[in-house]
Protein backbone atom coordinates (compact mmCIF):
# COMPACT_ATOMS: atom_id res chain seq x y z
CA ARG A 1 117.34 144.09 0.02
CA ARG A 2 115.18 145.18 2.98
CA MET A 3 116.98 142.62 5.21
CA LEU A 4 120.35 144.08 4.20
CA VAL A 5 119.24 147.61 5.03
CA MET A 6 117.98 146.48 8.45
CA LEU A 7 121.24 144.72 9.28
CA ILE A 8 123.22 147.83 8.32
CA LEU A 9 121.05 150.02 10.58
CA VAL A 10 121.40 147.61 13.52
CA GLY A 11 125.19 147.55 13.06
CA LEU A 12 125.35 151.35 13.06
CA LEU A 13 123.27 151.46 16.27
CA LEU A 14 125.57 148.99 18.01
CA LEU A 15 128.64 150.97 16.96
CA ALA A 16 127.07 154.15 18.36
CA LEU A 17 126.31 152.49 21.71
CA VAL A 18 129.85 151.09 22.04
CA GLY A 19 131.39 154.44 21.20
CA TRP A 20 129.24 156.25 23.74
CA ASN A 21 130.13 153.76 26.49
CA VAL A 22 133.87 153.92 25.82
CA GLY A 23 133.83 157.69 25.64
CA GLY A 24 131.95 157.98 28.94
CA ARG A 25 134.41 155.73 30.75
CA MET A 26 137.40 157.68 29.45
CA ALA A 27 135.79 160.95 30.50
CA MET A 28 135.08 159.59 33.97
CA LYS A 29 138.67 158.36 34.38
CA GLU A 30 139.99 161.72 33.32
CA ALA A 31 137.70 163.50 35.78
CA MET A 32 138.73 161.20 38.63
CA ALA A 33 142.39 161.70 37.80
CA ASN A 34 141.97 165.44 38.01
CA MET A 35 140.21 165.21 41.40
CA THR A 36 142.31 165.88 44.51
CA GLN A 37 141.85 164.00 47.81
CA PRO A 38 139.98 166.19 50.29
CA PRO A 39 141.89 167.08 53.45
CA GLN A 40 141.07 165.26 56.69
CA THR A 41 140.25 167.21 59.82
CA VAL A 42 142.36 166.10 62.78
CA SER A 43 143.10 167.39 66.27
CA THR A 44 146.53 167.59 67.86
CA THR A 45 147.85 167.46 71.40
CA ARG A 46 151.15 168.01 73.16
CA VAL A 47 153.04 165.21 74.83
CA GLY A 48 152.93 166.00 78.54
CA VAL A 49 154.33 164.63 81.78
CA GLN A 50 152.02 163.26 84.47
CA ALA A 51 152.79 161.86 87.91
CA TRP A 52 151.67 158.23 87.88
CA GLN A 53 151.30 156.05 90.94
CA PRO A 54 152.88 152.62 90.31
CA LEU A 55 150.23 149.92 90.63
CA LEU A 56 150.06 146.16 90.83
CA SER A 57 146.85 144.90 89.27
CA ALA A 58 144.95 141.69 89.91
CA VAL A 59 141.44 140.27 89.98
CA GLY A 60 139.73 139.23 93.18
CA THR A 61 136.52 138.12 94.85
CA LEU A 62 134.64 139.95 97.58
CA ARG A 63 133.99 138.14 100.85
CA ALA A 64 131.80 139.23 103.75
CA ALA A 65 133.44 140.25 107.01
CA ARG A 66 131.02 137.86 108.66
CA GLY A 67 128.80 135.50 106.74
CA ALA A 68 126.96 132.33 107.61
CA GLU A 69 124.27 129.95 106.42
CA LEU A 70 122.01 129.70 109.48
CA ALA A 71 120.50 126.35 110.46
CA PHE A 72 118.89 124.64 113.47
CA GLU A 73 120.78 122.18 115.65
CA ALA A 74 117.51 120.35 116.31
CA GLY A 75 114.66 119.46 114.01
CA GLY A 76 111.04 120.41 114.44
CA LEU A 77 107.93 122.11 113.15
CA VAL A 78 108.14 125.84 112.32
CA THR A 79 105.65 127.89 114.32
CA ALA A 80 106.78 131.44 113.53
CA VAL A 81 109.01 133.24 111.03
CA LYS A 82 110.08 136.63 112.40
CA LEU A 83 112.24 137.51 109.41
CA THR A 84 111.58 139.07 106.01
CA SER A 85 113.83 138.73 102.97
CA GLY A 86 116.64 141.29 102.84
CA ALA A 87 115.95 142.69 106.30
CA GLN A 88 118.62 144.18 108.55
CA VAL A 89 118.83 142.28 111.83
CA ALA A 90 120.69 142.91 115.07
CA ALA A 91 122.74 140.37 116.97
CA GLY A 92 120.46 138.15 119.05
CA ASP A 93 117.25 138.85 117.11
CA LEU A 94 114.84 135.92 116.90
CA LEU A 95 114.51 134.81 113.28
CA VAL A 96 112.63 131.49 113.26
CA GLN A 97 110.80 129.63 116.04
CA LEU A 98 110.19 125.88 116.22
CA SER A 99 107.49 124.18 118.25
CA ASP A 100 108.71 123.79 121.86
CA ALA A 101 105.50 123.15 123.86
CA ASP A 102 106.64 119.74 125.10
CA GLU A 103 110.07 121.02 126.07
CA ARG A 104 108.61 123.95 127.99
CA ALA A 105 106.23 121.68 129.89
CA GLN A 106 109.15 119.51 130.90
CA LEU A 107 111.07 122.63 131.91
CA ARG A 108 108.29 123.65 134.31
CA GLN A 109 108.40 120.18 135.85
CA LEU A 110 112.16 120.39 136.31
CA GLU A 111 111.91 123.90 137.75
CA ALA A 112 109.40 122.63 140.34
CA ALA A 113 111.76 119.81 141.31
CA ALA A 114 114.61 122.32 141.52
CA ALA A 115 112.53 124.60 143.77
CA LEU A 116 111.82 121.65 146.10
CA ALA A 117 115.53 120.80 146.14
CA GLU A 118 116.27 124.41 147.15
CA LEU A 119 113.87 124.15 150.10
CA SER A 120 115.37 120.83 151.18
CA PHE A 121 118.84 122.29 150.98
CA GLY A 122 117.77 125.30 153.09
CA ARG A 123 116.45 123.02 155.84
CA ALA A 124 119.56 120.85 155.66
CA ALA A 125 121.77 123.91 156.01
CA ARG A 126 119.95 124.93 159.19
CA GLN A 127 120.03 121.39 160.56
CA ILE A 128 123.72 120.88 159.88
CA ALA A 129 124.39 124.10 161.72
CA ARG A 130 122.63 122.62 164.80
CA GLN A 131 124.21 119.25 164.08
CA THR A 132 120.84 117.51 163.91
CA ILE A 133 121.67 115.69 160.65
CA SER A 134 124.75 113.89 159.54
CA GLN A 135 127.27 115.32 157.11
CA ALA A 136 126.44 112.55 154.65
CA ASP A 137 122.77 113.56 154.55
CA TYR A 138 123.72 117.19 154.06
CA ASP A 139 126.08 116.32 151.18
CA ARG A 140 123.39 114.19 149.53
CA ILE A 141 120.83 117.02 149.70
CA ALA A 142 123.41 119.54 148.35
CA ALA A 143 124.22 117.23 145.45
CA GLU A 144 120.51 116.78 144.74
CA ARG A 145 120.09 120.56 144.53
CA THR A 146 123.04 120.83 142.12
CA ALA A 147 121.64 118.05 139.95
CA ARG A 148 118.20 119.71 139.81
CA ARG A 149 119.78 123.01 138.79
CA ALA A 150 121.78 121.29 136.06
CA ALA A 151 118.64 119.59 134.73
CA VAL A 152 116.89 122.95 134.47
CA ALA A 153 119.88 124.47 132.62
CA GLN A 154 120.01 121.51 130.25
CA GLN A 155 116.32 121.83 129.41
CA GLN A 156 116.72 125.57 128.83
CA ALA A 157 119.50 124.75 126.35
CA VAL A 158 117.16 122.32 124.57
CA ILE A 159 114.52 125.04 124.28
CA ALA A 160 117.10 127.53 123.02
CA LYS A 161 117.90 125.14 120.17
CA LYS A 162 114.30 125.57 119.02
CA GLN A 163 114.99 129.25 118.35
CA LEU A 164 117.10 130.48 115.45
CA ARG A 165 118.74 133.78 116.45
CA ALA A 166 121.10 136.07 114.58
CA PRO A 167 124.68 135.42 115.75
CA PHE A 168 125.74 138.89 114.54
CA ALA A 169 124.23 141.99 112.96
CA GLY A 170 123.84 141.93 109.19
CA ARG A 171 121.53 141.65 106.20
CA ALA A 172 119.43 138.54 105.76
CA GLY A 173 119.02 136.75 102.48
CA ILE A 174 115.87 135.47 100.80
CA VAL A 175 113.54 133.59 103.18
CA THR A 176 111.71 130.63 101.65
CA ILE A 177 110.45 128.84 104.77
CA SER A 178 106.92 129.25 106.16
CA PRO A 179 105.12 128.32 109.40
CA GLY A 180 103.99 124.72 109.38
CA ALA A 181 107.06 123.42 107.55
CA TYR A 182 109.26 120.78 109.12
CA VAL A 183 113.00 121.41 109.20
CA SER A 184 115.75 118.87 109.75
CA PRO A 185 118.83 119.50 111.87
CA GLY A 186 121.60 121.21 109.92
CA SER A 187 119.41 122.32 106.99
CA ALA A 188 120.38 125.86 105.93
CA LEU A 189 117.36 128.17 106.14
CA VAL A 190 118.69 131.66 105.43
CA THR A 191 122.00 133.41 104.81
CA LEU A 192 123.19 136.30 106.97
CA GLN A 193 125.94 138.66 105.75
CA GLN A 194 127.58 141.59 107.50
CA LEU A 195 128.13 144.24 104.81
CA ASP A 196 129.46 147.31 106.66
CA TRP A 197 132.87 146.34 105.33
CA LEU A 198 134.14 143.41 103.30
CA PHE A 199 137.28 141.54 102.44
CA VAL A 200 138.62 141.06 98.92
CA ASP A 201 140.78 138.01 98.22
CA PHE A 202 143.20 138.10 95.28
CA LEU A 203 146.45 136.57 94.04
CA MET A 204 149.78 138.09 93.06
CA PRO A 205 152.85 136.48 91.43
CA GLN A 206 155.63 135.71 93.88
CA ARG A 207 158.00 138.11 92.08
CA GLU A 208 155.89 141.03 93.37
CA LEU A 209 156.26 140.12 97.05
CA ALA A 210 159.10 142.60 97.60
CA GLN A 211 156.79 145.49 96.70
CA LEU A 212 153.87 144.46 98.93
CA GLU A 213 153.40 145.67 102.49
CA ILE A 214 150.58 145.61 105.00
CA GLY A 215 148.71 148.92 105.01
CA GLN A 216 149.12 149.80 101.32
CA ARG A 217 146.14 151.44 99.63
CA VAL A 218 143.95 149.25 97.43
CA ASP A 219 141.48 150.51 94.79
CA LEU A 220 138.60 148.33 93.61
CA HIS A 221 136.43 148.51 90.50
CA VAL A 222 133.38 146.31 89.93
CA ASP A 223 131.27 145.91 86.80
CA ALA A 224 128.06 146.82 88.65
CA PHE A 225 129.38 150.36 89.35
CA PRO A 226 131.89 151.10 86.57
CA ASP A 227 132.21 154.82 87.41
CA GLN A 228 132.90 154.34 91.12
CA THR A 229 136.19 153.51 92.82
CA PHE A 230 136.13 151.74 96.18
CA THR A 231 139.17 152.14 98.41
CA GLY A 232 140.59 149.75 100.96
CA THR A 233 143.73 148.67 102.76
CA LEU A 234 145.93 145.62 102.35
CA THR A 235 145.45 143.69 105.60
CA ALA A 236 147.13 140.31 105.17
CA ILE A 237 149.70 138.48 103.05
CA ASP A 238 149.60 134.71 103.10
CA PRO A 239 152.89 133.32 104.49
CA ARG A 240 152.84 130.53 101.91
CA VAL A 241 153.24 130.60 98.11
CA ASP A 242 151.12 128.15 96.15
CA ALA A 243 153.51 125.49 94.84
CA GLU A 244 151.49 124.92 91.64
CA THR A 245 150.76 128.50 90.52
CA ARG A 246 153.65 130.31 92.30
CA ASN A 247 151.14 132.92 93.43
CA VAL A 248 150.62 134.32 96.90
CA ARG A 249 147.19 135.04 98.34
CA LEU A 250 146.42 138.50 99.69
CA GLU A 251 143.55 140.02 101.65
CA ALA A 252 142.36 143.61 101.72
CA ARG A 253 139.64 145.29 103.76
CA VAL A 254 137.21 147.59 101.94
CA ASP A 255 134.74 149.92 103.63
CA ASN A 256 131.18 149.54 102.35
CA PRO A 257 129.04 152.18 104.11
CA ASP A 258 126.40 152.24 101.36
CA GLN A 259 126.36 148.42 101.19
CA ARG A 260 126.67 148.52 97.41
CA LEU A 261 129.24 145.77 97.40
CA ILE A 262 128.04 142.26 98.19
CA PRO A 263 129.96 139.01 98.76
CA GLY A 264 130.87 136.99 95.70
CA MET A 265 131.33 139.99 93.40
CA PHE A 266 134.21 139.95 90.90
CA ALA A 267 136.53 142.95 91.35
CA ARG A 268 139.56 144.45 89.63
CA VAL A 269 142.15 145.30 92.26
CA ASP A 270 144.95 147.89 92.04
CA VAL A 271 147.53 148.00 94.85
CA GLU A 272 149.54 151.22 95.13
CA VAL A 273 153.26 150.45 95.52
CA GLY A 274 156.15 152.89 95.78
CA ALA A 275 156.17 156.64 95.19
CA PRO A 276 154.59 158.39 92.17
CA VAL A 277 156.81 158.66 89.07
CA ASP A 278 156.71 161.07 86.11
CA ARG A 279 155.59 159.55 82.79
CA LEU A 280 155.12 160.90 79.25
CA THR A 281 151.47 160.27 78.39
CA LEU A 282 149.22 160.46 75.34
CA PRO A 283 145.54 159.71 74.73
CA GLN A 284 144.92 156.22 73.39
CA THR A 285 143.28 157.72 70.28
CA ALA A 286 146.64 159.25 69.26
CA ILE A 287 148.34 155.85 69.11
CA ALA A 288 147.88 153.37 66.28
CA PHE A 289 148.21 149.78 67.50
CA ASN A 290 149.17 147.17 64.90
CA PRO A 291 151.16 143.91 64.72
CA TYR A 292 154.31 145.78 63.65
CA GLY A 293 154.33 148.06 66.70
CA GLU A 294 152.71 151.21 68.03
CA THR A 295 153.01 154.41 66.00
CA VAL A 296 152.03 158.06 66.31
CA PHE A 297 151.96 160.91 63.82
CA VAL A 298 154.24 163.75 64.91
CA VAL A 299 153.42 167.19 63.51
CA THR A 300 156.47 168.96 62.02
CA PRO A 301 156.58 172.47 60.49
CA ALA A 302 157.18 172.51 56.71
CA GLY A 303 158.95 175.89 56.56
CA HIS A 304 158.29 178.48 53.81
CA ASP A 305 158.10 178.42 50.04
CA ALA A 306 160.30 180.41 47.65
CA LYS A 307 158.17 183.53 48.17
CA GLY A 308 158.43 183.29 51.94
CA LYS A 309 154.88 182.08 52.39
CA PRO A 310 154.52 179.54 55.24
CA LEU A 311 153.73 176.04 54.11
CA PRO A 312 151.19 173.83 55.99
CA PRO A 313 152.74 171.47 58.57
CA THR A 314 153.17 167.80 57.82
CA ALA A 315 152.63 164.66 59.91
CA GLN A 316 155.41 162.09 60.15
CA GLN A 317 154.73 158.58 61.41
CA VAL A 318 157.15 157.38 64.11
CA PHE A 319 157.32 154.18 66.16
CA VAL A 320 156.92 154.42 69.94
CA THR A 321 157.12 152.04 72.89
CA THR A 322 154.10 152.18 75.18
CA GLY A 323 153.74 151.18 78.81
CA ALA A 324 150.97 151.14 81.40
CA ARG A 325 147.48 152.56 80.85
CA ARG A 326 145.35 154.76 83.11
CA GLY A 327 141.85 155.26 81.76
CA ASP A 328 142.23 156.81 78.30
CA GLN A 329 145.90 157.75 78.85
CA VAL A 330 148.87 155.63 77.78
CA ALA A 331 152.42 155.98 79.05
CA VAL A 332 155.01 156.36 76.28
CA GLU A 333 158.43 154.94 77.12
CA THR A 334 160.46 155.79 73.99
CA GLY A 335 160.01 157.34 70.55
CA ILE A 336 158.94 160.92 71.34
CA GLU A 337 159.93 163.69 73.69
CA GLU A 338 158.02 165.99 75.99
CA GLY A 339 156.36 168.90 74.18
CA ALA A 340 156.08 167.15 70.82
CA GLU A 341 152.83 167.79 68.95
CA VAL A 342 151.03 164.65 67.79
C-alpha cells in the first residue's frame, strides 16, 4: 500500500513538471510573436556627379636611374676601406684601396727612365738643329721618349685598378669587406644606387597603345607608404610587343627627392589618359556586392495616411551596374539617377 501511494505521488510530480514546461514554452512563443523587430539606424547620401580622370592601371617595379655592383678589375689585398654602409658618395670618391706598393715602386722606376729619355730627346733636338747627329738617331731617341711615356701611363693605369672609386654620385649599400681581406677580380663588393629619381618599368596590354603617349602623368603607390602618392612622367614606350603575352613594356620617370623609394620596390601604377569625364558615384558602403549583381537601397517617400499624417519613407532595393573605383568611391553606370537618395 505504501509503494502504491509513493508511485501515485511521483506520477503527480512528473505531470506537474511536464505541464509547467509546456506552459512556459507556449508563453515564450506568444511573447516572441508579439515582439516587433527594432528599427535599424542607417545613414543616407545623395547620388552625385564627380569629374573622374580616366586611368590605365598596372603594376611595376622601381629601377634606379643609375645602379651598379662595384668590383675590382684586378685582385689584391685590401688595405683601406673608405666607405661606410648607406653613405652618400660623390662621383670619383675613393671607396676601397688595394695594396699597390710594388706597382708604385715600379712606377717610380719607369718615371726615372722617362725623365732620362726626356733629357736625351732635348739634347737630340739641339743636335739635329745643328745637324751634328743623323735623322735616324734623332728618330730613335724620339721613339724611346714616346715609349717611356707610354710605360709610365700604363703603370699608372695598373695602379688605378687598385683603387675602387665611385663612378657616379649615389647611396652605397651594405659594406661587408674589411682591411686585410683578399678580393678576386670581378667580385662584387658593394652596390651603388643613384636615388634622386628612379624609373618604374611596367606592362600594358597592346589594346591600350592608342591611349598612351610620351609625357603623360603617372601616379605611383607603394605598400611602404600607403598614404602617399608619387608622381612621374611616362618617358618611353617599347617599340616591340611581346609575342607571348601581347603586352608592351613602358618606362616612367619618378622624382624621389626624399629618397623614400628604392630600387626593386613593387608599385601600383596609374597612367592618366584623356580628359576628365563626369561619373555618378557612391560610397562603396552603399553598394551590396553579391553573386547575383550589385544592389543599392533607394529611399522613396511613402506619402500620407488617411488622416494626412506623413508616413515614414521606405527603402527599395534596385540593381545597379558599377564601374571603376577611386578610393572609397564607386562609379555607377546604370540603375539610378543623379540626386537619388540611397
